[in-house]
Amino acid sequence: MSVRHEEPALTGSTQQEPALTQREPGSSPVTAAEITTILVRHCGLDPAAAAAAPNASLEELGMDSLALLELQAVVADRYRIQLPEEAGRLSIAEVAEVVAHQYEPSVAPAAGAGRPGHTENSVRIAAPLPLVWDLTNDVAGWTGLFTEYQSVEIIERRGDTVRFRLTMYPDENGVTWSWVSERTADPVRREVHAHRVETGPFEYMRIHWRYAEVAGGTRMTWTQDFEMRPTAPVTTAQMTDRINANSRIQLDIIRDRIERIAAEVAATASTPAASAPAASAPAASAPAASTAGVGDE
């Protein structure tokens, strides 16, 4: 069996250089609509609020320091542009102008690179939001929630940010894929933003988890935005299909395991004489079939 570690992210001006989408000649290189999509998809912007106040600054639209950092990271990934520190005082249109001014149209994707990959999958879990939040954000316990991860190594913790190495079970060729990711939880908004530090076959991989209370439990939603390198063994479109398929499998497994834990907690609460079971995910008995190197984080 061999272990395949993903390539570390590069440092300096070439870090995580993504391919850019081809545009029609004469079209604006970056539009306010594109920046709005990034803010809604990655930063929690309310699209109705943005439409109602098109000239408002990002700070006036409720974008805090964490949201602005996420915007800066996505813009750096997608356009190779560094936004100024005072970006929060700019409107969406002004941000688009800043990016467009620095954009270099000579930086183009390989022929047929296509659109960036985007997936969104969600599941309703019949369990209280605090329990779902705690279990799914206990990264060290992911081997008991997911069936694709063989081990999790916590590398560093900084407040609500954790950097860790994920190692998958061997694929059909006996190769064990492993990479480093980093995620930052926002307990107030009930959101998590993550990215792969070691990007491997990806130009970049950014992940956004959202949680919401719904009738009968909690809805957890995973959003992933990424592009594949030209040398990757699969295209961005093919990886999109693989991630969608794998996410649905893992979300169903996580739902079932958390619902069992919630039932155990409820049963214990109704019998005070019994000792309460630990609210941790059960160990996986065997890995489910998964796509090598995909993962959901």
Protein backbone atom coordinates (compact mmCIF):
# COMPACT_ATOMS: atom_id res chain seq x y z
CA MET A 1 0.00 0.00 0.00
CA SER A 2 1.31 3.48 -0.84
CA VAL A 3 0.34 6.79 0.73
CA ARG A 4 -0.24 9.68 -1.65
CA HIS A 5 0.28 13.06 0.00
CA GLU A 6 -1.11 16.01 -1.90
CA GLU A 7 1.22 18.78 -3.03
CA PRO A 8 1.71 21.59 -0.49
CA ALA A 9 0.28 24.93 -1.54
CA LEU A 10 2.83 27.26 -3.06
CA THR A 11 3.88 30.44 -1.30
CA GLY A 12 4.21 33.94 -2.61
CA SER A 13 2.48 35.43 -5.62
CA THR A 14 1.89 32.05 -7.27
CA GLN A 15 -0.08 30.50 -4.40
CA GLN A 16 -3.04 28.38 -5.55
CA GLU A 17 -3.18 29.82 -9.06
CA PRO A 18 -6.57 28.89 -10.53
CA ALA A 19 -7.53 28.78 -14.15
CA LEU A 20 -9.86 31.61 -15.08
CA THR A 21 -13.00 31.33 -17.14
CA GLN A 22 -12.72 32.54 -20.73
CA ARG A 23 -14.79 35.62 -21.52
CA GLU A 24 -16.11 37.08 -24.73
CA PRO A 25 -13.86 39.75 -26.31
CA GLY A 26 -14.79 43.22 -25.14
CA SER A 27 -16.75 42.00 -22.09
CA SER A 28 -16.02 43.36 -18.63
CA PRO A 29 -13.38 41.15 -16.99
CA VAL A 30 -15.17 41.15 -13.62
CA THR A 31 -18.75 42.20 -12.90
CA ALA A 32 -20.64 43.27 -9.80
CA ALA A 33 -22.88 40.23 -10.35
CA GLU A 34 -19.87 37.92 -10.03
CA ILE A 35 -18.74 39.62 -6.81
CA THR A 36 -22.30 39.39 -5.48
CA THR A 37 -22.38 35.66 -6.21
CA ILE A 38 -19.12 35.19 -4.31
CA LEU A 39 -20.44 37.18 -1.34
CA VAL A 40 -23.71 35.22 -1.22
CA ARG A 41 -22.13 31.82 -1.79
CA HIS A 42 -19.08 32.17 0.45
CA CYS A 43 -19.64 35.07 2.85
CA GLY A 44 -23.28 34.85 3.92
CA LEU A 45 -24.50 38.00 2.14
CA ASP A 46 -28.28 38.44 2.01
CA PRO A 47 -28.99 38.92 -1.72
CA ALA A 48 -32.17 40.89 -0.95
CA ALA A 49 -30.21 43.35 1.19
CA ALA A 50 -27.63 43.78 -1.55
CA ALA A 51 -30.34 44.43 -4.16
CA ALA A 52 -32.07 46.95 -1.91
CA ALA A 53 -28.89 48.95 -1.25
CA PRO A 54 -26.61 48.67 -4.30
CA ASN A 55 -24.41 51.57 -3.17
CA ALA A 56 -23.94 50.34 0.41
CA SER A 57 -20.49 49.32 1.59
CA LEU A 58 -19.78 45.71 2.42
CA GLU A 59 -19.64 46.64 6.11
CA GLU A 60 -23.04 48.33 5.84
CA LEU A 61 -24.34 45.11 4.27
CA GLY A 62 -23.25 43.20 7.39
CA MET A 63 -19.99 41.71 6.15
CA ASP A 64 -17.76 41.27 9.22
CA SER A 65 -14.00 40.67 9.31
CA LEU A 66 -14.37 36.90 8.80
CA ALA A 67 -16.60 37.41 5.76
CA LEU A 68 -14.16 39.93 4.29
CA LEU A 69 -11.25 37.53 4.79
CA GLU A 70 -13.23 34.87 2.94
CA LEU A 71 -13.94 37.31 0.11
CA GLN A 72 -10.25 38.16 -0.14
CA ALA A 73 -9.33 34.47 -0.24
CA VAL A 74 -11.85 33.59 -2.95
CA VAL A 75 -10.86 36.59 -5.10
CA ALA A 76 -7.20 35.63 -4.71
CA ASP A 77 -7.99 32.06 -5.78
CA ARG A 78 -10.21 32.96 -8.70
CA TYR A 79 -8.62 36.11 -10.14
CA ARG A 80 -5.09 36.21 -8.66
CA ILE A 81 -5.99 39.59 -7.18
CA GLN A 82 -5.21 40.90 -3.69
CA LEU A 83 -8.03 43.09 -2.36
CA PRO A 84 -7.04 46.10 -0.22
CA GLU A 85 -7.49 45.92 3.56
CA GLU A 86 -10.16 48.64 3.36
CA ALA A 87 -12.35 46.52 1.07
CA GLY A 88 -15.09 46.56 3.70
CA ARG A 89 -15.65 50.26 3.00
CA LEU A 90 -16.25 49.61 -0.70
CA SER A 91 -19.54 48.81 -2.40
CA ILE A 92 -19.96 45.63 -4.45
CA ALA A 93 -19.57 47.60 -7.68
CA GLU A 94 -16.41 49.26 -6.35
CA VAL A 95 -14.93 45.88 -5.41
CA ALA A 96 -15.65 44.66 -8.93
CA GLU A 97 -13.89 47.75 -10.32
CA VAL A 98 -10.83 47.11 -8.14
CA VAL A 99 -10.61 43.50 -9.30
CA ALA A 100 -11.24 44.40 -12.93
CA HIS A 101 -8.52 47.06 -12.83
CA GLN A 102 -5.92 44.53 -11.63
CA TYR A 103 -7.16 41.63 -13.73
CA GLU A 104 -4.73 40.40 -16.39
CA PRO A 105 -6.66 38.98 -19.36
CA SER A 106 -3.49 37.22 -20.55
CA VAL A 107 -3.95 34.81 -17.66
CA ALA A 108 -6.36 32.38 -19.30
CA PRO A 109 -7.28 28.73 -18.85
CA ALA A 110 -6.19 25.91 -21.06
CA ALA A 111 -8.53 25.21 -23.94
CA GLY A 112 -11.63 23.41 -22.73
CA ALA A 113 -10.99 24.15 -19.08
CA GLY A 114 -14.63 25.18 -18.73
CA ARG A 115 -16.38 26.65 -15.71
CA PRO A 116 -15.22 26.35 -12.09
CA GLY A 117 -16.76 23.43 -10.23
CA HIS A 118 -19.59 24.04 -7.79
CA THR A 119 -21.63 21.58 -5.75
CA GLU A 120 -24.29 22.05 -3.11
CA ASN A 121 -25.85 19.20 -1.14
CA SER A 122 -27.89 19.19 2.04
CA VAL A 123 -29.61 16.85 4.44
CA ARG A 124 -32.23 17.20 7.16
CA ILE A 125 -31.19 15.59 10.43
CA ALA A 126 -33.78 14.80 13.10
CA ALA A 127 -31.64 16.17 15.91
CA PRO A 128 -31.20 19.54 17.68
CA LEU A 129 -28.90 22.02 15.96
CA PRO A 130 -26.46 22.28 18.93
CA LEU A 131 -25.91 18.51 18.86
CA VAL A 132 -25.45 18.44 15.07
CA TRP A 133 -23.06 21.39 15.28
CA ASP A 134 -20.96 19.85 18.05
CA LEU A 135 -20.67 16.42 16.45
CA THR A 136 -19.93 17.56 12.91
CA ASN A 137 -17.37 20.14 14.04
CA ASP A 138 -15.47 17.69 16.23
CA VAL A 139 -12.87 17.14 13.51
CA ALA A 140 -10.93 14.65 15.62
CA GLY A 141 -14.06 12.47 15.70
CA TRP A 142 -14.73 12.45 11.97
CA THR A 143 -13.57 8.84 11.58
CA GLY A 144 -16.72 7.93 13.52
CA LEU A 145 -19.01 10.03 11.33
CA PHE A 146 -17.62 9.61 7.81
CA THR A 147 -16.89 6.21 6.33
CA GLU A 148 -14.20 7.46 3.92
CA TYR A 149 -11.63 8.77 6.43
CA GLN A 150 -9.15 6.34 7.94
CA SER A 151 -7.52 8.91 10.24
CA VAL A 152 -7.53 12.56 11.23
CA GLU A 153 -4.42 14.28 12.58
CA ILE A 154 -4.92 17.66 14.24
CA ILE A 155 -1.94 19.83 13.30
CA GLU A 156 -2.84 23.17 14.86
CA ARG A 157 -5.68 24.97 16.61
CA ARG A 158 -6.09 28.75 16.70
CA GLY A 159 -9.33 29.81 18.33
CA ASP A 160 -12.14 28.55 16.07
CA THR A 161 -9.67 27.58 13.32
CA VAL A 162 -8.23 24.07 13.05
CA ARG A 163 -5.64 22.76 10.58
CA PHE A 164 -5.60 18.99 10.14
CA ARG A 165 -4.50 16.12 7.91
CA LEU A 166 -7.11 13.76 6.50
CA THR A 167 -6.16 10.29 5.33
CA MET A 168 -8.61 8.18 3.35
CA TYR A 169 -8.96 4.44 3.19
CA PRO A 170 -6.96 2.83 0.34
CA ASP A 171 -8.61 3.03 -3.05
CA GLU A 172 -9.05 0.14 -5.49
CA ASN A 173 -5.40 0.52 -6.52
CA GLY A 174 -4.11 0.36 -2.96
CA VAL A 175 -3.28 4.08 -2.85
CA THR A 176 -4.10 5.99 0.32
CA TRP A 177 -4.81 9.66 -0.37
CA SER A 178 -3.92 12.24 2.26
CA TRP A 179 -4.00 16.06 2.40
CA VAL A 180 -4.04 19.00 4.81
CA SER A 181 -7.13 21.19 5.19
CA GLU A 182 -8.01 24.15 7.37
CA ARG A 183 -11.45 25.19 8.60
CA THR A 184 -12.81 28.08 10.64
CA ALA A 185 -16.10 27.74 12.48
CA ASP A 186 -18.45 30.65 13.16
CA PRO A 187 -20.64 29.51 16.09
CA VAL A 188 -22.76 32.66 15.95
CA ARG A 189 -23.74 32.33 12.30
CA ARG A 190 -23.59 28.54 12.43
CA GLU A 191 -21.32 28.44 9.39
CA VAL A 192 -17.93 26.93 8.63
CA HIS A 193 -15.48 28.02 5.93
CA ALA A 194 -12.69 25.64 4.93
CA HIS A 195 -10.10 25.12 2.22
CA ARG A 196 -7.49 22.59 1.23
CA VAL A 197 -3.98 23.73 2.12
CA GLU A 198 -2.44 20.91 0.12
CA THR A 199 -4.43 21.21 -3.07
CA GLY A 200 -3.04 18.22 -5.00
CA PRO A 201 -4.97 17.80 -8.30
CA PHE A 202 -7.10 20.87 -7.49
CA GLU A 203 -6.21 24.43 -8.45
CA TYR A 204 -8.16 25.32 -5.31
CA MET A 205 -10.86 23.77 -3.14
CA ARG A 206 -13.06 25.88 -0.88
CA ILE A 207 -15.81 24.48 1.32
CA HIS A 208 -18.72 26.19 3.07
CA TRP A 209 -20.95 24.39 5.60
CA ARG A 210 -24.22 25.98 6.73
CA TYR A 211 -26.61 24.90 9.48
CA ALA A 212 -30.23 25.95 10.00
CA GLU A 213 -33.01 24.94 12.37
CA VAL A 214 -35.95 23.45 10.45
CA ALA A 215 -39.13 21.67 11.42
CA GLY A 216 -38.16 18.43 13.12
CA GLY A 217 -34.43 19.08 13.35
CA THR A 218 -31.50 20.64 11.54
CA ARG A 219 -30.60 21.17 7.90
CA MET A 220 -26.90 20.91 7.12
CA THR A 221 -25.70 22.14 3.71
CA TRP A 222 -22.32 21.59 2.10
CA THR A 223 -21.13 23.88 -0.70
CA GLN A 224 -17.85 23.28 -2.54
CA ASP A 225 -16.15 25.49 -5.14
CA PHE A 226 -13.07 24.27 -6.96
CA GLU A 227 -11.16 23.81 -10.20
CA MET A 228 -8.97 20.97 -11.35
CA ARG A 229 -5.41 21.46 -12.56
CA PRO A 230 -4.76 20.83 -16.28
CA THR A 231 -2.65 17.81 -15.24
CA ALA A 232 -5.39 16.29 -13.06
CA PRO A 233 -6.61 12.81 -14.09
CA VAL A 234 -10.22 14.08 -14.26
CA THR A 235 -11.86 17.26 -15.51
CA THR A 236 -13.65 19.77 -13.33
CA ALA A 237 -16.99 18.52 -14.67
CA GLN A 238 -16.11 14.90 -13.86
CA MET A 239 -15.00 15.86 -10.35
CA THR A 240 -18.25 17.77 -9.86
CA ASP A 241 -20.20 14.57 -10.56
CA ARG A 242 -17.96 12.56 -8.22
CA ILE A 243 -18.25 15.05 -5.36
CA ASN A 244 -22.02 15.27 -5.76
CA ALA A 245 -22.35 11.47 -5.60
CA ASN A 246 -19.97 11.09 -2.67
CA SER A 247 -21.48 14.00 -0.71
CA ARG A 248 -24.95 12.47 -0.89
CA ILE A 249 -23.62 9.15 0.41
CA GLN A 250 -21.73 10.71 3.30
CA LEU A 251 -24.54 13.09 4.26
CA ASP A 252 -26.96 10.16 4.55
CA ILE A 253 -24.48 8.22 6.69
CA ILE A 254 -23.86 11.22 8.95
CA ARG A 255 -27.61 11.81 9.30
CA ASP A 256 -28.25 8.22 10.38
CA ARG A 257 -25.41 8.23 12.91
CA ILE A 258 -26.35 11.55 14.48
CA GLU A 259 -30.02 10.56 14.68
CA ARG A 260 -29.01 7.40 16.58
CA ILE A 261 -26.97 9.49 19.00
CA ALA A 262 -29.85 11.94 19.43
CA ALA A 263 -32.21 9.05 20.21
CA GLU A 264 -29.78 7.70 22.81
CA VAL A 265 -29.47 11.14 24.43
CA ALA A 266 -33.27 11.53 24.51
CA ALA A 267 -33.72 8.05 26.02
CA THR A 268 -31.14 8.78 28.70
CA ALA A 269 -32.79 12.09 29.56
CA SER A 270 -36.09 10.28 30.15
CA THR A 271 -34.48 7.80 32.59
CA PRO A 272 -32.54 9.87 35.18
CA ALA A 273 -31.26 6.79 36.97
CA ALA A 274 -29.24 5.71 33.96
CA SER A 275 -25.83 7.13 33.22
CA ALA A 276 -25.75 9.38 30.16
CA PRO A 277 -23.93 8.02 27.09
CA ALA A 278 -21.12 10.08 25.62
CA ALA A 279 -22.33 12.23 22.73
CA SER A 280 -19.77 10.97 20.26
CA ALA A 281 -20.10 9.32 16.91
CA PRO A 282 -19.95 5.51 16.76
CA ALA A 283 -16.88 3.98 15.20
CA ALA A 284 -17.18 3.03 11.56
CA SER A 285 -17.29 -0.72 11.09
CA ALA A 286 -16.00 -0.63 7.52
CA PRO A 287 -15.25 2.00 4.90
CA ALA A 288 -17.90 2.63 2.29
CA ALA A 289 -16.98 2.85 -1.35
CA SER A 290 -15.67 6.33 -2.12
CA THR A 291 -13.82 8.12 -4.84
CA ALA A 292 -10.06 8.27 -4.26
CA GLY A 293 -8.82 11.71 -3.39
CA VAL A 294 -12.27 13.30 -3.30
CA GLY A 295 -13.32 13.64 0.32
CA ASP A 296 -15.83 16.24 1.46
CA GLU A 297 -13.39 18.57 3.19
